[in-house]
């Protein structure tokens, strides 16, 4: 110990070091989906475009476009599809983050919180770039995009990402204990939100007895509220943006507590038999 040199680290230095570590880990996560970062972005854009074209075709064939909000139909589709994709991608990214038994955790500065944060930020980065590229294409090729309240729509978009991260964090803390059940829950939640998120309809058009079927879902509130901010002639009556905030904070607290509990008891032998 006589040759050990102790250096005093300030709180600012520790925070700066964590930010740098999170940045490099985020870059690694972005490039992890594909060797070429541009190809990873291209794949994300293509997935979003497939959703847009599929729903555009479905609404056109069924002749239900006239039942939607009066205004730009592409904005109506984007507010639903991108909030859904961002929410689900954030959940999947956090759920797929390295756990306490990962080989990456053997490196001293690395910890599970950095791994979770970098996975979440990588998902947000890819989805945001995809949204910007698609909106730019629509704006220049089809028709100019006009959104009533950009700040409100942006806040709903970030809340969709944050709520997905919070739910994914809870599932991640439970994953080492019941991995098969968590995989099933993720699949069911993703499939259920194809309908329960409300991206194919507006809450004001639902009959009163159907509202409780969707009211539990924070994504349903966020998509409906985002359309309220995007269109100046739509006023949501059955949803609010405060409920998703409460759900996000509650799940974030439960997820952090669960992650701390699991991290202290995790063992590499848990997954050895799988």
Protein backbone atom coordinates (compact mmCIF):
# COMPACT_ATOMS: atom_id res chain seq x y z
CA UNK A 1 0.00 0.00 0.00
CA UNK A 2 2.96 2.31 0.37
CA UNK A 3 3.24 2.67 -3.42
CA UNK A 4 -0.47 3.49 -3.87
CA UNK A 5 -1.19 7.06 -4.83
CA UNK A 6 -4.58 8.36 -3.71
CA UNK A 7 -6.15 11.14 -5.71
CA UNK A 8 -8.99 13.23 -4.43
CA UNK A 9 -11.99 13.28 -6.73
CA UNK A 10 -14.51 16.06 -6.56
CA UNK A 11 -18.24 15.55 -7.02
CA UNK A 12 -18.06 17.41 -10.33
CA UNK A 13 -15.24 15.14 -11.49
CA UNK A 14 -17.23 12.02 -10.62
CA UNK A 15 -20.28 13.33 -12.49
CA UNK A 16 -18.14 14.27 -15.49
CA UNK A 17 -16.56 10.82 -15.52
CA UNK A 18 -19.98 9.15 -15.40
CA UNK A 19 -21.23 11.33 -18.25
CA UNK A 20 -18.21 10.45 -20.36
CA UNK A 21 -18.64 6.76 -19.58
CA UNK A 22 -22.35 6.95 -20.45
CA UNK A 23 -21.54 8.71 -23.73
CA UNK A 24 -19.05 6.04 -24.85
CA UNK A 25 -21.39 3.26 -23.73
CA UNK A 26 -24.24 4.89 -25.67
CA UNK A 27 -22.12 5.04 -28.84
CA UNK A 28 -21.30 1.38 -28.36
CA UNK A 29 -25.00 0.57 -28.01
CA UNK A 30 -25.90 2.49 -31.15
CA UNK A 31 -23.28 0.64 -33.17
CA UNK A 32 -24.19 -2.67 -31.54
CA UNK A 33 -27.36 -3.09 -33.61
CA UNK A 34 -25.29 -2.93 -36.80
CA UNK A 35 -21.62 -2.60 -37.67
CA UNK A 36 -22.42 0.50 -39.68
CA UNK A 37 -24.19 3.24 -37.69
CA UNK A 38 -25.87 4.56 -40.86
CA UNK A 39 -27.32 1.12 -41.53
CA UNK A 40 -28.73 1.00 -37.99
CA UNK A 41 -30.43 4.34 -38.64
CA UNK A 42 -31.65 3.16 -42.04
CA UNK A 43 -33.21 0.02 -40.55
CA UNK A 44 -35.02 2.10 -37.94
CA UNK A 45 -36.33 4.49 -40.61
CA UNK A 46 -37.54 1.59 -42.75
CA UNK A 47 -39.37 0.04 -39.80
CA UNK A 48 -41.15 3.33 -39.06
CA UNK A 49 -41.99 3.83 -42.74
CA UNK A 50 -43.48 0.35 -42.95
CA UNK A 51 -45.75 1.20 -40.02
CA UNK A 52 -46.76 4.50 -41.63
CA UNK A 53 -47.49 2.94 -45.03
CA UNK A 54 -49.36 0.00 -43.47
CA UNK A 55 -51.66 2.22 -41.41
CA UNK A 56 -52.10 4.71 -44.28
CA UNK A 57 -53.14 1.88 -46.57
CA UNK A 58 -55.44 0.38 -43.93
CA UNK A 59 -57.23 3.66 -43.21
CA UNK A 60 -57.54 4.40 -46.93
CA UNK A 61 -58.95 0.95 -47.80
CA UNK A 62 -61.38 0.95 -44.87
CA UNK A 63 -62.44 4.50 -45.72
CA UNK A 64 -62.07 5.71 -42.13
CA UNK A 65 -59.86 8.73 -42.83
CA UNK A 66 -62.89 11.00 -42.65
CA UNK A 67 -63.56 9.85 -39.07
CA UNK A 68 -60.16 11.10 -37.86
CA UNK A 69 -59.10 14.59 -36.80
CA UNK A 70 -59.52 17.26 -39.45
CA UNK A 71 -56.00 18.23 -40.47
CA UNK A 72 -52.84 16.67 -41.84
CA UNK A 73 -53.41 12.91 -41.87
CA UNK A 74 -49.66 12.19 -41.86
CA UNK A 75 -49.25 14.15 -38.60
CA UNK A 76 -52.07 12.04 -37.17
CA UNK A 77 -50.21 8.86 -38.13
CA UNK A 78 -46.79 10.07 -36.94
CA UNK A 79 -48.04 11.15 -33.50
CA UNK A 80 -49.39 7.67 -32.93
CA UNK A 81 -46.78 5.49 -34.59
CA UNK A 82 -43.64 7.24 -33.33
CA UNK A 83 -44.82 7.49 -29.73
CA UNK A 84 -45.66 3.79 -29.84
CA UNK A 85 -42.33 2.83 -31.41
CA UNK A 86 -40.30 5.05 -29.07
CA UNK A 87 -42.09 3.66 -26.01
CA UNK A 88 -41.66 0.04 -27.06
CA UNK A 89 -38.06 0.51 -28.24
CA UNK A 90 -37.12 2.20 -24.95
CA UNK A 91 -38.68 -0.64 -22.97
CA UNK A 92 -36.85 -3.26 -25.03
CA UNK A 93 -33.54 -1.38 -24.86
CA UNK A 94 -33.62 -1.07 -21.06
CA UNK A 95 -34.77 -4.67 -20.68
CA UNK A 96 -31.87 -5.78 -22.88
CA UNK A 97 -29.24 -3.77 -20.98
CA UNK A 98 -26.26 -5.58 -19.43
CA UNK A 99 -26.98 -6.93 -15.98
CA UNK A 100 -24.73 -7.24 -12.93
CA UNK A 101 -23.32 -10.57 -14.15
CA UNK A 102 -22.33 -9.24 -17.57
CA UNK A 103 -18.67 -9.29 -18.57
CA UNK A 104 -18.81 -5.52 -19.04
CA UNK A 105 -19.38 -5.11 -15.31
CA UNK A 106 -15.88 -6.48 -14.66
CA UNK A 107 -14.45 -3.13 -15.74
CA UNK A 108 -14.13 -0.89 -12.70
CA UNK A 109 -15.91 2.30 -13.83
CA UNK A 110 -18.81 0.40 -15.40
CA UNK A 111 -22.01 -0.26 -13.48
CA UNK A 112 -25.58 -1.29 -14.24
CA UNK A 113 -26.97 2.23 -14.06
CA UNK A 114 -24.58 3.39 -16.79
CA UNK A 115 -25.54 0.37 -18.90
CA UNK A 116 -29.25 1.11 -18.45
CA UNK A 117 -28.85 4.83 -19.18
CA UNK A 118 -26.76 4.21 -22.29
CA UNK A 119 -29.27 1.68 -23.65
CA UNK A 120 -32.12 4.12 -23.09
CA UNK A 121 -30.25 7.05 -24.67
CA UNK A 122 -29.24 4.93 -27.67
CA UNK A 123 -32.89 4.06 -28.29
CA UNK A 124 -33.90 7.72 -28.00
CA UNK A 125 -31.10 8.80 -30.34
CA UNK A 126 -32.03 6.33 -33.08
CA UNK A 127 -35.77 7.03 -32.85
CA UNK A 128 -35.29 10.81 -32.83
CA UNK A 129 -33.02 10.74 -35.87
CA UNK A 130 -35.51 8.50 -37.67
CA UNK A 131 -38.35 10.90 -36.83
CA UNK A 132 -36.38 13.93 -38.05
CA UNK A 133 -35.47 12.23 -41.35
CA UNK A 134 -39.04 11.07 -42.01
CA UNK A 135 -40.56 14.44 -41.12
CA UNK A 136 -38.02 16.21 -43.33
CA UNK A 137 -38.94 13.89 -46.20
CA UNK A 138 -42.67 14.51 -45.72
CA UNK A 139 -42.11 18.25 -45.41
CA UNK A 140 -40.08 18.50 -48.62
CA UNK A 141 -41.77 15.86 -50.80
CA UNK A 142 -45.45 15.73 -49.79
CA UNK A 143 -46.59 18.86 -47.97
CA UNK A 144 -45.29 21.29 -45.33
CA UNK A 145 -45.68 20.06 -41.77
CA UNK A 146 -47.61 22.35 -39.46
CA UNK A 147 -47.87 21.48 -35.76
CA UNK A 148 -49.90 23.66 -33.42
CA UNK A 149 -47.69 23.27 -30.31
CA UNK A 150 -44.22 21.84 -30.96
CA UNK A 151 -43.20 22.01 -27.29
CA UNK A 152 -46.25 20.04 -26.17
CA UNK A 153 -45.74 17.33 -28.77
CA UNK A 154 -42.04 17.13 -27.87
CA UNK A 155 -42.87 16.74 -24.19
CA UNK A 156 -45.29 13.89 -24.95
CA UNK A 157 -42.61 12.25 -27.11
CA UNK A 158 -40.06 12.40 -24.28
CA UNK A 159 -42.63 11.16 -21.77
CA UNK A 160 -43.35 8.22 -24.07
CA UNK A 161 -39.64 7.38 -24.05
CA UNK A 162 -39.29 7.91 -20.28
CA UNK A 163 -42.34 5.79 -19.43
CA UNK A 164 -41.01 2.98 -21.62
CA UNK A 165 -37.65 3.19 -19.82
CA UNK A 166 -39.33 3.09 -16.40
CA UNK A 167 -41.47 0.05 -17.24
CA UNK A 168 -38.45 -1.66 -18.80
CA UNK A 169 -36.44 -0.99 -15.63
CA UNK A 170 -39.01 -2.79 -13.50
CA UNK A 171 -39.01 -5.75 -15.88
CA UNK A 172 -35.19 -5.74 -15.95
CA UNK A 173 -35.02 -5.99 -12.15
CA UNK A 174 -37.36 -9.01 -12.28
CA UNK A 175 -35.70 -10.66 -15.29
CA UNK A 176 -33.01 -12.65 -13.37
CA UNK A 177 -35.69 -14.15 -11.13
CA UNK A 178 -38.32 -15.08 -13.74
CA UNK A 179 -36.73 -14.71 -17.20
CA UNK A 180 -39.32 -16.72 -19.13
CA UNK A 181 -42.25 -14.86 -17.58
CA UNK A 182 -40.63 -11.48 -18.29
CA UNK A 183 -40.08 -12.41 -21.94
CA UNK A 184 -43.76 -13.38 -22.19
CA UNK A 185 -44.87 -10.15 -20.46
CA UNK A 186 -42.79 -8.05 -22.87
CA UNK A 187 -44.35 -9.79 -25.88
CA UNK A 188 -47.88 -9.44 -24.51
CA UNK A 189 -47.35 -5.77 -23.63
CA UNK A 190 -45.95 -5.00 -27.08
CA UNK A 191 -48.78 -6.80 -28.87
CA UNK A 192 -51.49 -5.35 -26.62
CA UNK A 193 -50.27 -1.81 -27.25
CA UNK A 194 -50.87 -2.24 -30.97
CA UNK A 195 -54.51 -1.62 -29.99
CA UNK A 196 -54.43 -0.35 -26.40
CA UNK A 197 -52.12 2.57 -27.21
CA UNK A 198 -54.91 4.23 -29.19
CA UNK A 199 -52.74 5.12 -32.15
CA UNK A 200 -55.49 4.05 -34.56
CA UNK A 201 -58.24 6.20 -33.05
CA UNK A 202 -58.80 9.21 -30.81
CA UNK A 203 -60.14 8.94 -27.27
CA UNK A 204 -62.95 11.43 -27.91
CA UNK A 205 -64.45 9.08 -30.49
CA UNK A 206 -64.77 6.17 -28.05
CA UNK A 207 -68.09 5.46 -26.31
CA UNK A 208 -68.00 6.01 -22.55
CA UNK A 209 -68.13 2.31 -21.63
CA UNK A 210 -64.91 1.62 -23.60
CA UNK A 211 -62.75 4.30 -21.95
CA UNK A 212 -61.79 2.07 -18.93
CA UNK A 213 -60.41 -0.50 -21.38
CA UNK A 214 -57.69 1.96 -22.41
CA UNK A 215 -57.51 4.44 -19.53
CA UNK A 216 -54.97 2.32 -17.58
CA UNK A 217 -52.35 2.69 -20.31
CA UNK A 218 -50.03 5.72 -20.00
CA UNK A 219 -49.21 5.46 -23.72
CA UNK A 220 -52.90 5.89 -24.54
CA UNK A 221 -52.91 9.19 -22.63
CA UNK A 222 -49.67 10.37 -24.26
CA UNK A 223 -50.75 9.67 -27.84
CA UNK A 224 -54.11 11.34 -27.33
CA UNK A 225 -52.51 14.34 -25.63
CA UNK A 226 -49.89 14.66 -28.37
CA UNK A 227 -52.69 14.93 -30.93
CA UNK A 228 -54.28 17.60 -28.77
CA UNK A 229 -51.03 19.57 -28.97
CA UNK A 230 -50.49 18.84 -32.67
CA UNK A 231 -53.95 19.91 -33.89
CA UNK A 232 -55.61 23.16 -32.93
CA UNK A 233 -59.11 21.71 -33.44
CA UNK A 234 -58.79 18.65 -31.17
CA UNK A 235 -59.29 18.91 -27.42
CA UNK A 236 -58.78 15.65 -25.42
CA UNK A 237 -61.54 15.13 -22.85
CA UNK A 238 -60.71 11.69 -21.46
CA UNK A 239 -56.92 11.83 -21.11
CA UNK A 240 -54.29 13.93 -19.36
CA UNK A 241 -50.49 14.13 -19.34
CA UNK A 242 -50.13 14.11 -15.53
CA UNK A 243 -51.07 10.43 -15.21
CA UNK A 244 -48.13 9.19 -17.35
CA UNK A 245 -45.76 11.31 -15.23
CA UNK A 246 -47.01 9.67 -12.01
CA UNK A 247 -46.75 6.21 -13.57
CA UNK A 248 -43.23 6.94 -14.84
CA UNK A 249 -42.01 8.18 -11.45
CA UNK A 250 -43.60 5.25 -9.61
CA UNK A 251 -42.14 2.63 -11.96
CA UNK A 252 -38.77 4.40 -11.93
CA UNK A 253 -38.65 4.22 -8.14
CA UNK A 254 -39.73 0.57 -8.11
CA UNK A 255 -37.25 -0.27 -10.86
CA UNK A 256 -34.30 1.35 -9.07
CA UNK A 257 -35.19 -0.41 -5.83
CA UNK A 258 -35.55 -3.72 -7.65
CA UNK A 259 -32.29 -3.23 -9.54
CA UNK A 260 -30.42 -2.47 -6.31
CA UNK A 261 -31.90 -5.56 -4.62
CA UNK A 262 -31.15 -7.83 -7.59
CA UNK A 263 -27.64 -6.44 -8.12
CA UNK A 264 -26.66 -7.36 -4.55
CA UNK A 265 -27.84 -10.94 -4.99
CA UNK A 266 -27.06 -11.65 -8.64
CA UNK A 267 -24.87 -14.60 -9.52
CA UNK A 268 -23.44 -15.75 -12.83
CA UNK A 269 -24.64 -19.29 -12.01
CA UNK A 270 -28.30 -18.20 -12.28
CA UNK A 271 -28.22 -18.40 -16.06
CA UNK A 272 -25.73 -21.27 -16.30
CA UNK A 273 -28.45 -23.91 -16.69
CA UNK A 274 -30.21 -22.03 -19.49
